[in-house]
Amino acid sequence: MMKSFCKTIALLLTFALLFTTSFQALANPSYLHTNYADVQTSSIAASYLDMMGIIDECDKSAPVTRGYAVSTIVRAMGLEKVAQSGNSIYTDEEKMAAVAHRVGILSGSTPSQWSLESPVTYEQLCKMFVVALGYGNIITGDNAFPALYVSQASKLGINRYLTVVNSSDVNFNDFCLMMYQAMQATVLEIVGVYNDNLTYSKSEDRTLESVFLDTHNLSKKVGIVDGDYYASSNAACICTLSQICIDGIYYSCDSAECKDLVGMCVEFVYNNSTALNSRKIVGIRAYEDNRVFTFNRNSDVEYENGKLLYYESDHAQKSIRLSDGLILIYNNQLCSSYSFDEFNLSASHLKLVDNNNDNIYDVMFVTESESVIVSHVRCNNFTIN
């Protein structure tokens, strides 16, 4: 590979020396490891719900309203289309609430009785989830609310890792945790609406997530994003690419969203189109067991026998093992063949990805540039001195 073909030259004027200070090395390489096996943080739960297309934008600093809660739950149940054909004088949120009332999630029969603008309490949300999962019919008695619904929510694992306490309004973070856990819970009965009538069917140990995917004709997978994204010989074309390759299969995808996921293990949702060229990813996120190391420019890094050697702030030498089949992307170009002698690693920004948590790094991004001070530019022939 011709190194000169790929090298990016940064043209700096009088502020060049000041600008280069932004490239100073970190004291230690940054490290990131996310694991979704047992979600305990709201940010991870929110990223999952966003990927699935379940949550909408809202004021995250305010308590979650009853209207937002029931709209999200009705969407997760796959009943959004039923709501869209509802009373034409209702707002979209009121249409969702009308469906929630029909399936037993909300009491009252009119918007004024639903109190959609009011904050939803912890006990109310427990009941909403329990009913949505089809357990409402097994809870009976005049004093069932709130104790029996809260107890059933606990059995289903919906109220773990929360900061909310009894009778308190639910904030966005706790709502996301409860919603995520409800998506993984087993549904007792699938509650639906068909020909304007309520329907109930046994779930056969299905989760709310599977119900949502089926009703929206979607599938969810986990895979590793291939380096094909950077295979174009024309670097200018990279930003216009509209496909992503995961485990050898191509999907239509927003390039801006997928570009930074190359080499990572991802979870993604796509439509179940029978036409191969029509499979479109509707949501994607970096999945569990991705480890990412980054080195800023001017870090003391060198390659030796399948490893990168570097020094921490205490001057102790450390090493990173590279995969035998390492995917190397140099200045946005996928390198089919290369030698580490071609690269000035210490003068480059490096990003390494271990996508299966085996402490062997599978993908390496090398961004190399040179800073030069320009005295003047000849406008007649566009040469630089």
Protein backbone atom coordinates (compact mmCIF):
# COMPACT_ATOMS: atom_id res chain seq x y z
CA MET A 1 0.00 0.00 0.00
CA MET A 2 1.41 3.39 -0.91
CA LYS A 3 1.52 5.35 2.28
CA SER A 4 1.69 8.67 0.40
CA PHE A 5 -1.63 7.90 -1.30
CA CYS A 6 -3.53 7.72 1.98
CA LYS A 7 -1.73 10.32 4.10
CA THR A 8 -3.76 13.36 5.18
CA ILE A 9 -1.89 16.69 5.39
CA ALA A 10 -3.18 19.30 7.79
CA LEU A 11 -2.46 22.81 6.53
CA LEU A 12 -2.03 25.17 9.48
CA LEU A 13 -1.39 28.90 9.41
CA THR A 14 -0.24 31.16 12.23
CA PHE A 15 -2.09 29.17 14.91
CA ALA A 16 -0.46 25.89 13.92
CA LEU A 17 1.71 25.50 16.98
CA LEU A 18 -1.19 26.25 19.31
CA PHE A 19 -3.44 23.83 17.47
CA THR A 20 -1.03 20.93 17.76
CA THR A 21 -1.28 21.00 21.54
CA SER A 22 -4.74 19.41 21.23
CA PHE A 23 -3.01 16.23 20.08
CA GLN A 24 -0.97 15.73 23.24
CA ALA A 25 -0.99 12.17 24.57
CA LEU A 26 -3.30 11.09 27.33
CA ALA A 27 -1.73 10.04 30.62
CA ASN A 28 -3.31 6.64 30.06
CA PRO A 29 -5.14 5.12 27.10
CA SER A 30 -8.92 5.37 27.48
CA TYR A 31 -10.78 2.16 28.21
CA LEU A 32 -14.41 1.29 27.67
CA HIS A 33 -16.21 -1.94 28.40
CA THR A 34 -19.98 -2.30 28.26
CA ASN A 35 -21.90 -5.40 29.24
CA TYR A 36 -25.63 -5.72 28.66
CA ALA A 37 -26.08 -9.12 30.29
CA ASP A 38 -27.56 -7.63 33.48
CA VAL A 39 -28.59 -4.05 32.85
CA GLN A 40 -28.31 -1.97 36.00
CA THR A 41 -27.78 1.50 34.55
CA SER A 42 -30.43 3.69 32.97
CA SER A 43 -28.20 4.88 30.13
CA ILE A 44 -27.78 1.32 28.84
CA ALA A 45 -31.51 0.66 29.22
CA ALA A 46 -32.27 3.88 27.35
CA SER A 47 -29.91 2.96 24.49
CA TYR A 48 -31.71 -0.38 24.11
CA LEU A 49 -35.16 1.25 24.09
CA ASP A 50 -33.98 3.85 21.60
CA MET A 51 -32.56 1.13 19.34
CA MET A 52 -35.89 -0.70 19.47
CA GLY A 53 -37.80 2.47 18.61
CA ILE A 54 -39.88 2.31 21.79
CA ILE A 55 -39.12 5.58 23.57
CA ASP A 56 -39.79 9.09 22.28
CA GLU A 57 -38.10 12.35 23.15
CA CYS A 58 -39.17 13.88 26.45
CA ASP A 59 -37.97 16.19 29.20
CA LYS A 60 -35.56 13.81 30.96
CA SER A 61 -35.17 16.14 33.93
CA ALA A 62 -38.88 16.06 34.80
CA PRO A 63 -40.96 13.21 36.24
CA VAL A 64 -42.41 10.89 33.60
CA THR A 65 -46.05 11.70 32.89
CA ARG A 66 -48.87 9.16 32.78
CA GLY A 67 -49.37 10.00 29.12
CA TYR A 68 -45.74 9.29 28.21
CA ALA A 69 -45.76 6.06 30.22
CA VAL A 70 -48.93 4.61 28.66
CA SER A 71 -47.88 5.68 25.14
CA THR A 72 -44.56 3.88 25.52
CA ILE A 73 -46.17 0.74 26.96
CA VAL A 74 -48.87 0.59 24.26
CA ARG A 75 -46.13 0.93 21.63
CA ALA A 76 -44.17 -1.91 23.24
CA MET A 77 -47.31 -4.09 23.16
CA GLY A 78 -47.53 -3.61 19.40
CA LEU A 79 -50.83 -1.72 19.57
CA GLU A 80 -49.71 1.58 18.11
CA LYS A 81 -51.54 0.98 14.81
CA VAL A 82 -54.76 0.34 16.74
CA ALA A 83 -54.29 3.70 18.45
CA GLN A 84 -53.67 5.51 15.17
CA SER A 85 -57.15 4.57 13.96
CA GLY A 86 -58.77 5.88 17.14
CA ASN A 87 -61.02 8.85 17.81
CA SER A 88 -60.09 11.61 15.36
CA ILE A 89 -60.67 14.38 17.91
CA TYR A 90 -58.06 12.89 20.26
CA THR A 91 -54.41 13.87 20.28
CA ASP A 92 -51.89 11.13 19.47
CA GLU A 93 -51.22 10.65 23.18
CA GLU A 94 -54.94 10.45 23.96
CA LYS A 95 -55.37 7.82 21.24
CA MET A 96 -52.66 5.72 22.87
CA ALA A 97 -54.29 6.23 26.25
CA ALA A 98 -57.65 5.10 24.85
CA VAL A 99 -56.08 1.79 23.85
CA ALA A 100 -54.44 1.55 27.27
CA HIS A 101 -57.86 1.99 28.85
CA ARG A 102 -59.38 -0.74 26.69
CA VAL A 103 -56.75 -3.30 27.70
CA GLY A 104 -57.00 -2.41 31.39
CA ILE A 105 -53.86 -0.34 31.85
CA LEU A 106 -55.75 2.88 32.59
CA SER A 107 -58.98 3.38 34.50
CA GLY A 108 -61.51 5.97 33.39
CA SER A 109 -62.93 6.36 29.90
CA THR A 110 -62.18 9.97 28.90
CA PRO A 111 -59.04 12.13 28.65
CA SER A 112 -60.08 14.17 31.66
CA GLN A 113 -60.17 11.00 33.74
CA TRP A 114 -56.82 9.70 32.51
CA SER A 115 -54.80 12.64 33.93
CA LEU A 116 -52.19 12.24 31.21
CA GLU A 117 -50.23 15.34 32.23
CA SER A 118 -49.81 14.16 35.82
CA PRO A 119 -46.60 12.39 36.92
CA VAL A 120 -46.88 8.61 37.05
CA THR A 121 -46.14 7.07 40.44
CA TYR A 122 -44.13 3.94 41.11
CA GLU A 123 -47.23 1.95 42.14
CA GLN A 124 -49.19 3.07 39.09
CA LEU A 125 -46.35 2.06 36.80
CA CYS A 126 -46.08 -1.36 38.44
CA LYS A 127 -49.75 -1.95 37.69
CA MET A 128 -49.39 -0.76 34.09
CA PHE A 129 -46.56 -3.19 33.41
CA VAL A 130 -48.24 -6.11 35.17
CA VAL A 131 -51.41 -5.64 33.09
CA ALA A 132 -49.46 -5.12 29.87
CA LEU A 133 -47.69 -8.44 30.46
CA GLY A 134 -51.02 -10.23 30.81
CA TYR A 135 -51.03 -10.82 34.57
CA GLY A 136 -53.90 -8.47 35.34
CA ASN A 137 -56.53 -11.21 35.31
CA ILE A 138 -54.82 -13.25 38.03
CA ILE A 139 -54.80 -10.35 40.48
CA THR A 140 -58.16 -10.00 42.24
CA GLY A 141 -59.56 -8.46 45.38
CA ASP A 142 -60.78 -5.07 46.52
CA ASN A 143 -57.37 -4.20 47.96
CA ALA A 144 -55.24 -5.50 45.09
CA PHE A 145 -53.84 -2.06 44.32
CA PRO A 146 -51.13 -1.29 45.01
CA ALA A 147 -49.64 -4.12 47.07
CA LEU A 148 -50.43 -7.10 44.82
CA TYR A 149 -49.34 -5.30 41.66
CA VAL A 150 -46.07 -4.19 43.23
CA SER A 151 -45.52 -7.76 44.46
CA GLN A 152 -46.15 -9.20 40.99
CA ALA A 153 -43.81 -6.62 39.44
CA SER A 154 -41.13 -7.79 41.86
CA LYS A 155 -41.68 -11.43 40.85
CA LEU A 156 -41.28 -10.43 37.20
CA GLY A 157 -38.06 -8.54 37.97
CA ILE A 158 -39.41 -5.22 36.74
CA ASN A 159 -38.45 -3.08 39.72
CA ARG A 160 -34.75 -3.91 40.19
CA TYR A 161 -31.96 -1.32 40.52
CA LEU A 162 -34.33 1.63 40.97
CA THR A 163 -33.83 4.83 42.92
CA VAL A 164 -37.56 5.46 43.25
CA VAL A 165 -39.33 4.71 46.54
CA ASN A 166 -42.95 3.89 47.23
CA SER A 167 -45.53 6.55 46.32
CA SER A 168 -42.89 8.64 44.55
CA ASP A 169 -43.09 10.03 41.04
CA VAL A 170 -40.95 8.08 38.57
CA ASN A 171 -38.07 9.84 36.82
CA PHE A 172 -36.93 9.09 33.28
CA ASN A 173 -33.96 6.96 34.37
CA ASP A 174 -36.04 4.64 36.53
CA PHE A 175 -38.73 4.46 33.86
CA CYS A 176 -36.17 3.26 31.32
CA LEU A 177 -34.92 0.58 33.72
CA MET A 178 -38.46 -0.65 34.39
CA MET A 179 -39.35 -0.55 30.69
CA TYR A 180 -36.22 -2.49 29.76
CA GLN A 181 -36.89 -5.14 32.40
CA ALA A 182 -40.50 -5.42 31.29
CA MET A 183 -39.31 -6.07 27.71
CA GLN A 184 -37.29 -9.06 28.97
CA ALA A 185 -40.10 -10.41 31.19
CA THR A 186 -42.25 -13.40 30.23
CA VAL A 187 -45.71 -12.52 28.97
CA LEU A 188 -48.56 -14.60 30.45
CA GLU A 189 -51.19 -13.51 27.95
CA ILE A 190 -50.76 -11.42 24.83
CA VAL A 191 -53.43 -8.73 24.99
CA GLY A 192 -54.54 -7.37 21.64
CA VAL A 193 -57.36 -5.71 19.74
CA TYR A 194 -58.89 -7.36 16.68
CA ASN A 195 -61.97 -6.08 14.84
CA ASP A 196 -62.54 -3.67 17.71
CA ASN A 197 -62.63 -6.51 20.27
CA LEU A 198 -60.09 -7.40 22.94
CA THR A 199 -58.22 -10.65 22.34
CA TYR A 200 -56.17 -12.78 24.72
CA SER A 201 -53.76 -15.51 23.70
CA LYS A 202 -51.26 -17.58 25.66
CA SER A 203 -47.74 -16.38 25.09
CA GLU A 204 -45.95 -19.76 25.36
CA ASP A 205 -43.07 -18.25 27.34
CA ARG A 206 -42.55 -15.35 24.99
CA THR A 207 -41.16 -12.04 26.16
CA LEU A 208 -42.67 -8.63 25.56
CA GLU A 209 -39.68 -7.96 23.32
CA SER A 210 -40.62 -10.85 21.01
CA VAL A 211 -44.22 -9.63 20.89
CA PHE A 212 -43.03 -6.17 19.90
CA LEU A 213 -40.73 -7.50 17.17
CA ASP A 214 -43.41 -9.78 15.70
CA THR A 215 -46.11 -7.10 15.59
CA HIS A 216 -43.71 -4.71 13.85
CA ASN A 217 -42.30 -7.38 11.48
CA LEU A 218 -38.80 -6.90 12.84
CA SER A 219 -35.92 -9.16 13.83
CA LYS A 220 -33.06 -8.58 16.26
CA LYS A 221 -29.56 -9.99 15.95
CA VAL A 222 -26.08 -9.70 17.38
CA GLY A 223 -23.07 -9.67 15.08
CA ILE A 224 -19.72 -8.08 14.25
CA VAL A 225 -19.55 -5.21 11.78
CA ASP A 226 -17.18 -6.06 8.93
CA GLY A 227 -14.53 -3.69 7.58
CA ASP A 228 -16.23 -3.54 4.18
CA TYR A 229 -17.51 -0.09 5.08
CA TYR A 230 -14.04 1.29 4.40
CA ALA A 231 -13.30 -0.84 1.34
CA SER A 232 -14.00 1.93 -1.17
CA SER A 233 -10.91 2.97 -3.10
CA ASN A 234 -12.25 6.52 -3.18
CA ALA A 235 -12.13 8.08 0.28
CA ALA A 236 -14.59 10.77 -0.77
CA CYS A 237 -17.28 8.12 -1.24
CA ILE A 238 -17.15 6.85 2.32
CA CYS A 239 -19.59 9.42 3.69
CA THR A 240 -22.23 8.50 1.12
CA LEU A 241 -22.23 4.76 1.72
CA SER A 242 -25.67 3.55 2.77
CA GLN A 243 -24.90 -0.08 3.61
CA ILE A 244 -23.25 -1.90 6.45
CA CYS A 245 -21.98 -5.48 6.43
CA ILE A 246 -22.52 -7.57 9.56
CA ASP A 247 -21.21 -11.14 9.61
CA GLY A 248 -21.07 -11.17 5.81
CA ILE A 249 -24.64 -9.92 5.24
CA TYR A 250 -25.36 -6.44 3.89
CA TYR A 251 -28.05 -4.20 5.33
CA SER A 252 -29.22 -0.75 4.41
CA CYS A 253 -28.18 1.63 7.17
CA ASP A 254 -27.63 5.30 7.88
CA SER A 255 -23.90 5.68 7.21
CA ALA A 256 -23.43 8.37 9.86
CA GLU A 257 -24.86 6.05 12.49
CA CYS A 258 -22.94 2.94 11.49
CA LYS A 259 -19.54 4.34 10.55
CA ASP A 260 -18.06 4.28 14.05
CA LEU A 261 -19.22 0.71 14.75
CA VAL A 262 -16.84 -1.03 12.33
CA GLY A 263 -15.15 -3.96 14.05
CA MET A 264 -17.52 -3.90 17.03
CA CYS A 265 -19.97 -6.48 18.26
CA VAL A 266 -23.38 -4.87 17.80
CA GLU A 267 -27.01 -5.57 18.55
CA PHE A 268 -29.34 -4.41 15.80
CA VAL A 269 -32.97 -4.46 14.71
CA TYR A 270 -33.94 -4.74 11.05
CA ASN A 271 -37.09 -5.21 8.98
CA ASN A 272 -38.03 -8.71 7.81
CA SER A 273 -38.12 -7.92 4.12
CA THR A 274 -37.88 -10.96 1.86
CA ALA A 275 -35.83 -8.98 -0.65
CA LEU A 276 -32.18 -9.14 0.36
CA ASN A 277 -31.45 -5.62 -0.86
CA SER A 278 -34.38 -4.21 1.13
CA ARG A 279 -33.24 -5.27 4.60
CA LYS A 280 -32.92 -2.04 6.53
CA ILE A 281 -31.52 -1.56 10.00
CA VAL A 282 -33.93 0.51 12.07
CA GLY A 283 -31.79 0.58 15.22
CA ILE A 284 -28.27 -0.42 16.20
CA ARG A 285 -25.95 -0.09 19.22
CA ALA A 286 -22.56 -1.34 20.36
CA TYR A 287 -23.27 -4.56 22.26
CA GLU A 288 -21.64 -6.36 25.16
CA ASP A 289 -17.98 -7.29 25.42
CA ASN A 290 -16.55 -4.50 23.29
CA ARG A 291 -13.25 -3.21 24.61
CA VAL A 292 -11.82 -0.06 23.08
CA PHE A 293 -8.32 1.33 23.57
CA THR A 294 -7.37 4.70 22.13
CA PHE A 295 -4.00 6.40 21.93
CA ASN A 296 -3.73 10.08 21.11
CA ARG A 297 -1.08 11.38 18.80
CA ASN A 298 2.40 11.62 20.33
CA SER A 299 1.86 8.59 22.57
CA ASP A 300 4.92 6.38 22.92
CA VAL A 301 3.65 3.33 21.01
CA GLU A 302 5.51 0.74 18.97
CA TYR A 303 4.75 -2.59 17.29
CA GLU A 304 6.67 -5.75 18.17
CA ASN A 305 5.82 -9.39 17.37
CA GLY A 306 2.03 -9.10 17.20
CA LYS A 307 1.75 -6.64 20.09
CA LEU A 308 1.60 -2.92 20.66
CA LEU A 309 3.93 -1.76 23.41
CA TYR A 310 3.19 1.43 25.33
CA TYR A 311 4.03 3.13 28.61
CA GLU A 312 1.64 4.24 31.32
CA SER A 313 2.04 7.43 33.34
CA ASP A 314 4.17 5.58 35.92
CA HIS A 315 6.53 4.56 33.07
CA ALA A 316 5.57 0.89 33.39
CA GLN A 317 5.57 -0.83 30.02
CA LYS A 318 2.33 -2.51 28.94
CA SER A 319 1.33 -4.43 25.86
CA ILE A 320 -1.78 -5.05 23.77
CA ARG A 321 -2.04 -8.29 21.83
CA LEU A 322 -3.29 -8.00 18.25
CA SER A 323 -5.29 -10.64 16.38
CA ASP A 324 -3.54 -12.67 13.70
CA GLY A 325 -6.34 -11.59 11.35
CA LEU A 326 -6.22 -7.94 12.41
CA ILE A 327 -8.40 -5.60 10.33
CA LEU A 328 -6.43 -2.40 9.83
CA ILE A 329 -8.03 0.81 8.62
CA TYR A 330 -5.56 3.54 7.76
CA ASN A 331 -6.91 7.07 7.24
CA ASN A 332 -10.38 5.74 6.39
CA GLN A 333 -9.03 3.11 3.99
CA LEU A 334 -9.27 -0.65 4.57
CA CYS A 335 -5.77 -2.10 4.10
CA SER A 336 -5.76 -5.44 2.32
CA SER A 337 -2.02 -5.77 2.90
CA TYR A 338 0.33 -3.74 5.04
CA SER A 339 3.48 -3.70 7.11
CA PHE A 340 3.71 -1.87 10.42
CA ASP A 341 6.99 -0.40 9.20
CA GLU A 342 4.90 1.82 6.91
CA PHE A 343 3.22 3.62 9.81
CA ASN A 344 4.47 6.15 12.31
CA LEU A 345 2.37 4.89 15.21
CA SER A 346 3.59 7.48 17.70
CA ALA A 347 2.53 10.26 15.34
CA SER A 348 -0.93 8.74 14.81
CA HIS A 349 -4.21 8.57 16.63
CA LEU A 350 -4.93 4.87 17.28
CA LYS A 351 -8.19 3.14 18.10
CA LEU A 352 -8.24 -0.60 18.82
CA VAL A 353 -11.31 -2.80 19.26
CA ASP A 354 -11.59 -6.18 20.98
CA ASN A 355 -15.08 -7.33 20.00
CA ASN A 356 -15.32 -10.63 21.91
CA ASN A 357 -13.70 -9.89 25.27
CA ASP A 358 -10.75 -12.24 24.77
CA ASN A 359 -8.11 -9.51 25.32
CA ILE A 360 -6.98 -9.86 21.71
CA TYR A 361 -7.71 -6.77 19.62
CA ASP A 362 -9.38 -7.48 16.28
CA VAL A 363 -9.57 -4.06 14.59
CA MET A 364 -7.15 -1.15 14.51
CA PHE A 365 -7.82 2.34 13.19
CA VAL A 366 -4.73 4.40 12.36
CA THR A 367 -5.25 8.11 11.69
CA GLU A 368 -1.94 9.65 10.69
CA SER A 369 -1.36 13.27 9.73
CA GLU A 370 1.38 15.81 9.53
CA SER A 371 1.29 19.39 10.77
CA VAL A 372 3.08 21.93 8.60
CA ILE A 373 3.46 25.69 8.82
CA VAL A 374 2.57 27.47 5.59
CA SER A 375 4.39 30.68 4.79
CA HIS A 376 2.25 31.56 1.76
CA VAL A 377 0.07 30.09 -0.99
CA ARG A 378 0.50 30.96 -4.68
CA CYS A 379 -2.98 31.68 -6.00
CA ASN A 380 -2.06 31.44 -9.66
CA ASN A 381 -0.93 27.80 -9.54
CA PHE A 382 -2.20 26.80 -6.07
CA THR A 383 1.19 25.75 -4.78
CA ILE A 384 2.18 25.91 -1.12
CA ASN A 385 5.51 27.18 0.21
